[in-house]
Amino acid sequence: METITRYFKDSIAEFNNITWPTRNQAVRISVIVLAFMAVSAIALGALDQVLVLGYQALLKLPK
């Protein structure tokens, strides 16, 4: 029982040591993540289109 009590006390102590980002930092990081996701989605969509075009070209080759 002592180990469980110590675990919760240590957890609360660690929780009090957390440094939370400011509102501006959180907004900036969120914008960066959203921009990275958009760029990644565009890049993957373009790669998918290139692969589809290549696959369709392979299907049109004569046997």
C-alpha atoms as a PDB file:
ATOM      1  CA  MET A   1       0.000   0.000   0.000  1.00  0.00           C
ATOM      2  CA  GLU A   2       2.927   2.307   0.697  1.00  0.00           C
ATOM      3  CA  THR A   3       4.199   1.994  -2.882  1.00  0.00           C
ATOM      4  CA  ILE A   4       0.825   3.042  -4.296  1.00  0.00           C
ATOM      5  CA  THR A   5       0.712   6.078  -2.016  1.00  0.00           C
ATOM      6  CA  ARG A   6       4.274   7.011  -2.987  1.00  0.00           C
ATOM      7  CA  TYR A   7       3.388   6.589  -6.663  1.00  0.00           C
ATOM      8  CA  PHE A   8       0.484   9.049  -6.424  1.00  0.00           C
ATOM      9  CA  LYS A   9       2.515  11.552  -4.401  1.00  0.00           C
ATOM     10  CA  ASP A  10       5.333  11.392  -6.959  1.00  0.00           C
ATOM     11  CA  SER A  11       2.839  11.738  -9.816  1.00  0.00           C
ATOM     12  CA  ILE A  12       1.326  14.867  -8.276  1.00  0.00           C
ATOM     13  CA  ALA A  13       4.796  16.304  -7.657  1.00  0.00           C
ATOM     14  CA  GLU A  14       5.765  15.697 -11.300  1.00  0.00           C
ATOM     15  CA  PHE A  15       2.487  17.186 -12.511  1.00  0.00           C
ATOM     16  CA  ASN A  16       3.289  20.377 -10.619  1.00  0.00           C
ATOM     17  CA  ASN A  17       6.635  20.597 -12.451  1.00  0.00           C
ATOM     18  CA  ILE A  18       5.054  20.716 -15.905  1.00  0.00           C
ATOM     19  CA  THR A  19       5.760  23.878 -17.875  1.00  0.00           C
ATOM     20  CA  TRP A  20       2.720  24.552 -20.040  1.00  0.00           C
ATOM     21  CA  PRO A  21       3.115  26.556 -23.261  1.00  0.00           C
ATOM     22  CA  THR A  22       1.673  30.022 -23.465  1.00  0.00           C
ATOM     23  CA  ARG A  23      -1.389  30.645 -25.619  1.00  0.00           C
ATOM     24  CA  ASN A  24       0.760  32.195 -28.369  1.00  0.00           C
ATOM     25  CA  GLN A  25       3.149  29.240 -28.347  1.00  0.00           C
ATOM     26  CA  ALA A  26       0.258  26.766 -28.511  1.00  0.00           C
ATOM     27  CA  VAL A  27      -1.334  28.625 -31.439  1.00  0.00           C
ATOM     28  CA  ARG A  28       1.995  28.859 -33.288  1.00  0.00           C
ATOM     29  CA  ILE A  29       2.726  25.157 -32.825  1.00  0.00           C
ATOM     30  CA  SER A  30      -0.813  24.235 -33.922  1.00  0.00           C
ATOM     31  CA  VAL A  31      -0.464  26.328 -37.093  1.00  0.00           C
ATOM     32  CA  ILE A  32       2.876  24.675 -37.867  1.00  0.00           C
ATOM     33  CA  VAL A  33       1.371  21.210 -37.411  1.00  0.00           C
ATOM     34  CA  LEU A  34      -1.641  22.034 -39.602  1.00  0.00           C
ATOM     35  CA  ALA A  35       0.613  23.487 -42.315  1.00  0.00           C
ATOM     36  CA  PHE A  36       2.834  20.406 -42.233  1.00  0.00           C
ATOM     37  CA  MET A  37      -0.232  18.167 -42.509  1.00  0.00           C
ATOM     38  CA  ALA A  38      -1.530  20.152 -45.498  1.00  0.00           C
ATOM     39  CA  VAL A  39       1.829  20.004 -47.296  1.00  0.00           C
ATOM     40  CA  SER A  40       2.100  16.284 -46.575  1.00  0.00           C
ATOM     41  CA  ALA A  41      -1.420  15.649 -47.854  1.00  0.00           C
ATOM     42  CA  ILE A  42      -0.699  17.535 -51.067  1.00  0.00           C
ATOM     43  CA  ALA A  43       2.591  15.688 -51.583  1.00  0.00           C
ATOM     44  CA  LEU A  44       1.013  12.287 -50.952  1.00  0.00           C
ATOM     45  CA  GLY A  45      -1.932  13.143 -53.209  1.00  0.00           C
ATOM     46  CA  ALA A  46       0.449  14.142 -56.007  1.00  0.00           C
ATOM     47  CA  LEU A  47       2.470  10.949 -55.557  1.00  0.00           C
ATOM     48  CA  ASP A  48      -0.736   8.920 -55.659  1.00  0.00           C
ATOM     49  CA  GLN A  49      -1.768  10.609 -58.914  1.00  0.00           C
ATOM     50  CA  VAL A  50       1.632   9.898 -60.484  1.00  0.00           C
ATOM     51  CA  LEU A  51       1.407   6.247 -59.461  1.00  0.00           C
ATOM     52  CA  VAL A  52      -2.150   5.960 -60.820  1.00  0.00           C
ATOM     53  CA  LEU A  53      -1.068   7.446 -64.152  1.00  0.00           C
ATOM     54  CA  GLY A  54       1.868   5.034 -64.300  1.00  0.00           C
ATOM     55  CA  TYR A  55      -0.376   2.082 -63.479  1.00  0.00           C
ATOM     56  CA  GLN A  56      -2.892   3.106 -66.163  1.00  0.00           C
ATOM     57  CA  ALA A  57      -0.058   3.466 -68.693  1.00  0.00           C
ATOM     58  CA  LEU A  58       1.116  -0.052 -67.841  1.00  0.00           C
ATOM     59  CA  LEU A  59      -2.393  -1.424 -68.376  1.00  0.00           C
ATOM     60  CA  LYS A  60      -2.553   0.151 -71.861  1.00  0.00           C
ATOM     61  CA  LEU A  61       0.638  -1.568 -73.034  1.00  0.00           C
ATOM     62  CA  PRO A  62       0.005  -4.234 -75.672  1.00  0.00           C
ATOM     63  CA  LYS A  63       0.485  -7.825 -74.608  1.00  0.00           C
END
